[in-house]
Amino acid sequence: MTKIGLLSDTHGWLNPKVFEFFKDCDEIWHVGDIGSADVTNALSAFKPLRAVYGNMDGQDIRLTYPKTQIFTVEEMKVVMTHIGGYPNHYEPGIKELLIKEKPDIFISGHSHILKVMNDHSLHLLHINPGAAGQTGPHKVITMVRFQIDGKNASNMEVYEKSRY
């Protein structure tokens, strides 16, 4: 069993609650718009980190992290990219990538809207953890944690706190 902490859109600010909420996680995944290497440095010093860059990230982040990551955890294949959309509303090129790669989980950020939903046509779970930073249109800071056990994702929990 692998416990995952998932966040996006920190925009250079790392909520101190991340360390408490992700304390039992085995890995942290950041889905872009990181904003500062200070964020990834703190996260990777805490837990193993997988990350992708977002549209607001500078060259320092883009040279360190890819636009898209495709990897397997336990028996689940994951595709992770910042701007991806969601089932029935994928960004151009994403549906083709998902058809080609056949992931079990597709993770994207960018919208600042927490969304967890199945795509029955592509047989995958889509997760957007919302926004963990203080910058952007969202009114609630969100992060997600869940576990992967073999071919199953379960025990999904959401951290939610008003920005104001």
C-alpha atoms as a PDB file:
ATOM      1  CA  MET A   1       0.000   0.000   0.000  1.00  0.00           C
ATOM      2  CA  THR A   2       1.294   3.445  -0.975  1.00  0.00           C
ATOM      3  CA  LYS A   3      -0.143   6.614   0.563  1.00  0.00           C
ATOM      4  CA  ILE A   4      -0.182   9.668  -1.697  1.00  0.00           C
ATOM      5  CA  GLY A   5      -0.414  13.361  -0.860  1.00  0.00           C
ATOM      6  CA  LEU A   6      -1.650  15.408  -3.817  1.00  0.00           C
ATOM      7  CA  LEU A   7      -1.656  19.175  -4.282  1.00  0.00           C
ATOM      8  CA  SER A   8      -1.564  21.801  -7.019  1.00  0.00           C
ATOM      9  CA  ASP A   9      -1.381  25.518  -7.630  1.00  0.00           C
ATOM     10  CA  THR A  10       0.681  26.563  -4.615  1.00  0.00           C
ATOM     11  CA  HIS A  11       1.927  29.625  -6.545  1.00  0.00           C
ATOM     12  CA  GLY A  12       4.985  29.992  -4.308  1.00  0.00           C
ATOM     13  CA  TRP A  13       3.220  29.578  -0.956  1.00  0.00           C
ATOM     14  CA  LEU A  14       3.354  26.350   1.011  1.00  0.00           C
ATOM     15  CA  ASN A  15       0.629  25.934   3.604  1.00  0.00           C
ATOM     16  CA  PRO A  16       2.286  24.771   6.849  1.00  0.00           C
ATOM     17  CA  LYS A  17      -0.644  22.339   7.292  1.00  0.00           C
ATOM     18  CA  VAL A  18       0.727  20.294   4.382  1.00  0.00           C
ATOM     19  CA  PHE A  19       3.230  18.671   6.744  1.00  0.00           C
ATOM     20  CA  GLU A  20       0.527  17.553   9.142  1.00  0.00           C
ATOM     21  CA  PHE A  21      -1.965  16.479   6.465  1.00  0.00           C
ATOM     22  CA  PHE A  22       0.683  14.509   4.516  1.00  0.00           C
ATOM     23  CA  LYS A  23       2.626  13.169   7.534  1.00  0.00           C
ATOM     24  CA  ASP A  24       1.637   9.532   6.892  1.00  0.00           C
ATOM     25  CA  CYS A  25       2.039   9.736   3.113  1.00  0.00           C
ATOM     26  CA  ASP A  26       4.763   7.829   1.301  1.00  0.00           C
ATOM     27  CA  GLU A  27       4.946  10.262  -1.642  1.00  0.00           C
ATOM     28  CA  ILE A  28       3.792  13.772  -2.510  1.00  0.00           C
ATOM     29  CA  TRP A  29       2.627  14.680  -6.017  1.00  0.00           C
ATOM     30  CA  HIS A  30       2.486  18.345  -7.069  1.00  0.00           C
ATOM     31  CA  VAL A  31       0.454  19.055 -10.206  1.00  0.00           C
ATOM     32  CA  GLY A  32       2.043  22.327 -11.276  1.00  0.00           C
ATOM     33  CA  ASP A  33       1.972  26.077 -10.788  1.00  0.00           C
ATOM     34  CA  ILE A  34       4.517  25.439  -8.068  1.00  0.00           C
ATOM     35  CA  GLY A  35       5.689  29.039  -8.113  1.00  0.00           C
ATOM     36  CA  SER A  36       9.030  28.677  -6.360  1.00  0.00           C
ATOM     37  CA  ALA A  37      11.781  26.122  -5.896  1.00  0.00           C
ATOM     38  CA  ASP A  38      11.390  26.796  -2.162  1.00  0.00           C
ATOM     39  CA  VAL A  39       8.088  24.878  -2.343  1.00  0.00           C
ATOM     40  CA  THR A  40       9.566  21.800  -4.031  1.00  0.00           C
ATOM     41  CA  ASN A  41      12.688  21.941  -1.855  1.00  0.00           C
ATOM     42  CA  ALA A  42      10.562  21.857   1.307  1.00  0.00           C
ATOM     43  CA  LEU A  43       8.309  19.105  -0.022  1.00  0.00           C
ATOM     44  CA  SER A  44      11.158  16.912  -1.285  1.00  0.00           C
ATOM     45  CA  ALA A  45      13.029  17.311   2.017  1.00  0.00           C
ATOM     46  CA  PHE A  46       9.870  16.021   3.745  1.00  0.00           C
ATOM     47  CA  LYS A  47       8.816  13.146   1.424  1.00  0.00           C
ATOM     48  CA  PRO A  48       9.698  11.778  -2.028  1.00  0.00           C
ATOM     49  CA  LEU A  49       8.225  14.206  -4.572  1.00  0.00           C
ATOM     50  CA  ARG A  50       6.874  13.830  -8.099  1.00  0.00           C
ATOM     51  CA  ALA A  51       5.941  17.077  -9.824  1.00  0.00           C
ATOM     52  CA  VAL A  52       5.104  18.679 -13.153  1.00  0.00           C
ATOM     53  CA  TYR A  53       5.422  22.313 -14.114  1.00  0.00           C
ATOM     54  CA  GLY A  54       2.446  24.564 -14.733  1.00  0.00           C
ATOM     55  CA  ASN A  55       1.793  27.503 -17.003  1.00  0.00           C
ATOM     56  CA  MET A  56       2.813  30.013 -14.318  1.00  0.00           C
ATOM     57  CA  ASP A  57       6.137  28.313 -13.486  1.00  0.00           C
ATOM     58  CA  GLY A  58       9.434  29.875 -14.504  1.00  0.00           C
ATOM     59  CA  GLN A  59      12.462  28.313 -16.150  1.00  0.00           C
ATOM     60  CA  ASP A  60      13.930  27.091 -12.858  1.00  0.00           C
ATOM     61  CA  ILE A  61      10.907  24.848 -12.286  1.00  0.00           C
ATOM     62  CA  ARG A  62      10.565  23.909 -15.974  1.00  0.00           C
ATOM     63  CA  LEU A  63      14.182  22.756 -16.117  1.00  0.00           C
ATOM     64  CA  THR A  64      13.678  20.562 -13.049  1.00  0.00           C
ATOM     65  CA  TYR A  65      10.222  19.062 -13.641  1.00  0.00           C
ATOM     66  CA  PRO A  66       8.551  17.881 -16.872  1.00  0.00           C
ATOM     67  CA  LYS A  67       5.263  19.084 -18.373  1.00  0.00           C
ATOM     68  CA  THR A  68       3.785  15.582 -18.074  1.00  0.00           C
ATOM     69  CA  GLN A  69       4.726  12.580 -15.974  1.00  0.00           C
ATOM     70  CA  ILE A  70       3.673   9.027 -16.749  1.00  0.00           C
ATOM     71  CA  PHE A  71       4.515   6.465 -14.088  1.00  0.00           C
ATOM     72  CA  THR A  72       3.247   3.403 -12.244  1.00  0.00           C
ATOM     73  CA  VAL A  73       2.650   3.069  -8.510  1.00  0.00           C
ATOM     74  CA  GLU A  74       1.938  -0.445  -7.393  1.00  0.00           C
ATOM     75  CA  GLU A  75      -0.274  -1.703 -10.256  1.00  0.00           C
ATOM     76  CA  MET A  76      -1.800   1.661 -11.205  1.00  0.00           C
ATOM     77  CA  LYS A  77      -0.583   3.678 -14.168  1.00  0.00           C
ATOM     78  CA  VAL A  78      -0.742   7.443 -13.653  1.00  0.00           C
ATOM     79  CA  VAL A  79      -0.682  10.341 -16.110  1.00  0.00           C
ATOM     80  CA  MET A  80      -0.109  13.722 -14.464  1.00  0.00           C
ATOM     81  CA  THR A  81      -0.062  17.140 -16.171  1.00  0.00           C
ATOM     82  CA  HIS A  82      -1.028  20.640 -15.091  1.00  0.00           C
ATOM     83  CA  ILE A  83      -3.494  21.679 -17.817  1.00  0.00           C
ATOM     84  CA  GLY A  84      -5.568  18.647 -18.726  1.00  0.00           C
ATOM     85  CA  GLY A  85      -9.236  19.326 -18.232  1.00  0.00           C
ATOM     86  CA  TYR A  86     -11.566  16.601 -17.024  1.00  0.00           C
ATOM     87  CA  PRO A  87     -13.835  13.886 -18.448  1.00  0.00           C
ATOM     88  CA  ASN A  88     -15.871  15.149 -21.408  1.00  0.00           C
ATOM     89  CA  HIS A  89     -13.903  18.452 -21.257  1.00  0.00           C
ATOM     90  CA  TYR A  90     -10.285  17.465 -21.881  1.00  0.00           C
ATOM     91  CA  GLU A  91      -7.799  20.010 -23.211  1.00  0.00           C
ATOM     92  CA  PRO A  92      -6.661  19.511 -26.827  1.00  0.00           C
ATOM     93  CA  GLY A  93      -4.378  16.488 -27.142  1.00  0.00           C
ATOM     94  CA  ILE A  94      -5.091  15.092 -23.677  1.00  0.00           C
ATOM     95  CA  LYS A  95      -7.781  12.597 -24.682  1.00  0.00           C
ATOM     96  CA  GLU A  96      -5.459  11.215 -27.354  1.00  0.00           C
ATOM     97  CA  LEU A  97      -2.683  10.869 -24.756  1.00  0.00           C
ATOM     98  CA  LEU A  98      -5.049   9.082 -22.379  1.00  0.00           C
ATOM     99  CA  ILE A  99      -6.251   6.716 -25.113  1.00  0.00           C
ATOM    100  CA  LYS A 100      -2.628   5.925 -26.004  1.00  0.00           C
ATOM    101  CA  GLU A 101      -1.328   5.505 -22.429  1.00  0.00           C
ATOM    102  CA  LYS A 102      -4.438   3.882 -20.873  1.00  0.00           C
ATOM    103  CA  PRO A 103      -3.825   5.153 -17.320  1.00  0.00           C
ATOM    104  CA  ASP A 104      -5.827   4.095 -14.296  1.00  0.00           C
ATOM    105  CA  ILE A 105      -5.549   7.610 -12.841  1.00  0.00           C
ATOM    106  CA  PHE A 106      -5.375  10.961 -14.656  1.00  0.00           C
ATOM    107  CA  ILE A 107      -4.342  13.927 -12.520  1.00  0.00           C
ATOM    108  CA  SER A 108      -4.462  17.575 -13.536  1.00  0.00           C
ATOM    109  CA  GLY A 109      -4.603  20.963 -11.822  1.00  0.00           C
ATOM    110  CA  HIS A 110      -4.906  24.512 -13.215  1.00  0.00           C
ATOM    111  CA  SER A 111      -8.630  25.132 -12.649  1.00  0.00           C
ATOM    112  CA  HIS A 112      -8.288  25.683  -8.869  1.00  0.00           C
ATOM    113  CA  ILE A 113     -11.422  23.509  -8.585  1.00  0.00           C
ATOM    114  CA  LEU A 114     -11.323  20.267  -6.605  1.00  0.00           C
ATOM    115  CA  LYS A 115     -12.753  17.492  -8.755  1.00  0.00           C
ATOM    116  CA  VAL A 116     -12.760  13.706  -8.363  1.00  0.00           C
ATOM    117  CA  MET A 117     -14.670  11.784 -11.001  1.00  0.00           C
ATOM    118  CA  ASN A 118     -14.632   8.648 -13.088  1.00  0.00           C
ATOM    119  CA  ASP A 119     -14.288   8.655 -16.846  1.00  0.00           C
ATOM    120  CA  HIS A 120     -16.252   5.533 -17.705  1.00  0.00           C
ATOM    121  CA  SER A 121     -15.432   5.755 -21.420  1.00  0.00           C
ATOM    122  CA  LEU A 122     -11.662   5.729 -20.776  1.00  0.00           C
ATOM    123  CA  HIS A 123     -11.866   3.558 -17.629  1.00  0.00           C
ATOM    124  CA  LEU A 124      -9.921   5.938 -15.408  1.00  0.00           C
ATOM    125  CA  LEU A 125     -10.215   7.996 -12.245  1.00  0.00           C
ATOM    126  CA  HIS A 126      -9.667  11.728 -12.707  1.00  0.00           C
ATOM    127  CA  ILE A 127      -8.411  13.815  -9.778  1.00  0.00           C
ATOM    128  CA  ASN A 128      -7.856  17.560  -9.637  1.00  0.00           C
ATOM    129  CA  PRO A 129      -6.779  18.502  -6.079  1.00  0.00           C
ATOM    130  CA  GLY A 130      -7.929  22.107  -6.466  1.00  0.00           C
ATOM    131  CA  ALA A 131      -5.554  24.814  -5.246  1.00  0.00           C
ATOM    132  CA  ALA A 132      -3.299  24.734  -2.198  1.00  0.00           C
ATOM    133  CA  GLY A 133      -1.988  28.277  -2.567  1.00  0.00           C
ATOM    134  CA  GLN A 134      -3.241  31.718  -1.642  1.00  0.00           C
ATOM    135  CA  THR A 135      -3.254  33.175  -5.167  1.00  0.00           C
ATOM    136  CA  GLY A 136      -6.045  32.677  -7.675  1.00  0.00           C
ATOM    137  CA  PRO A 137      -9.827  32.641  -7.978  1.00  0.00           C
ATOM    138  CA  HIS A 138     -10.503  29.925  -5.396  1.00  0.00           C
ATOM    139  CA  LYS A 139     -11.962  30.737  -1.999  1.00  0.00           C
ATOM    140  CA  VAL A 140     -11.004  27.427  -0.375  1.00  0.00           C
ATOM    141  CA  ILE A 141      -7.538  25.901  -0.073  1.00  0.00           C
ATOM    142  CA  THR A 142      -7.659  22.176  -0.840  1.00  0.00           C
ATOM    143  CA  MET A 143      -5.309  19.192  -0.836  1.00  0.00           C
ATOM    144  CA  VAL A 144      -6.054  15.489  -1.274  1.00  0.00           C
ATOM    145  CA  ARG A 145      -4.614  12.312   0.162  1.00  0.00           C
ATOM    146  CA  PHE A 146      -5.429   8.754  -0.820  1.00  0.00           C
ATOM    147  CA  GLN A 147      -3.909   5.329  -0.965  1.00  0.00           C
ATOM    148  CA  ILE A 148      -3.058   2.958  -3.766  1.00  0.00           C
ATOM    149  CA  ASP A 149      -3.225  -0.718  -2.955  1.00  0.00           C
ATOM    150  CA  GLY A 150      -2.409  -2.858  -5.956  1.00  0.00           C
ATOM    151  CA  LYS A 151      -4.973  -1.939  -8.591  1.00  0.00           C
ATOM    152  CA  ASN A 152      -7.220   0.090  -6.243  1.00  0.00           C
ATOM    153  CA  ALA A 153      -7.279   3.734  -5.168  1.00  0.00           C
ATOM    154  CA  SER A 154      -9.164   4.273  -1.923  1.00  0.00           C
ATOM    155  CA  ASN A 155      -9.503   6.211   1.335  1.00  0.00           C
ATOM    156  CA  MET A 156      -9.571   9.581  -0.413  1.00  0.00           C
ATOM    157  CA  GLU A 157      -9.581  12.471   2.044  1.00  0.00           C
ATOM    158  CA  VAL A 158      -9.709  16.212   1.388  1.00  0.00           C
ATOM    159  CA  TYR A 159      -8.125  19.041   3.354  1.00  0.00           C
ATOM    160  CA  GLU A 160     -10.302  22.131   3.056  1.00  0.00           C
ATOM    161  CA  LYS A 161      -9.749  25.554   4.610  1.00  0.00           C
ATOM    162  CA  SER A 162     -11.124  28.959   3.732  1.00  0.00           C
ATOM    163  CA  ARG A 163      -8.527  31.378   2.343  1.00  0.00           C
ATOM    164  CA  TYR A 164     -10.063  34.225   4.313  1.00  0.00           C
END
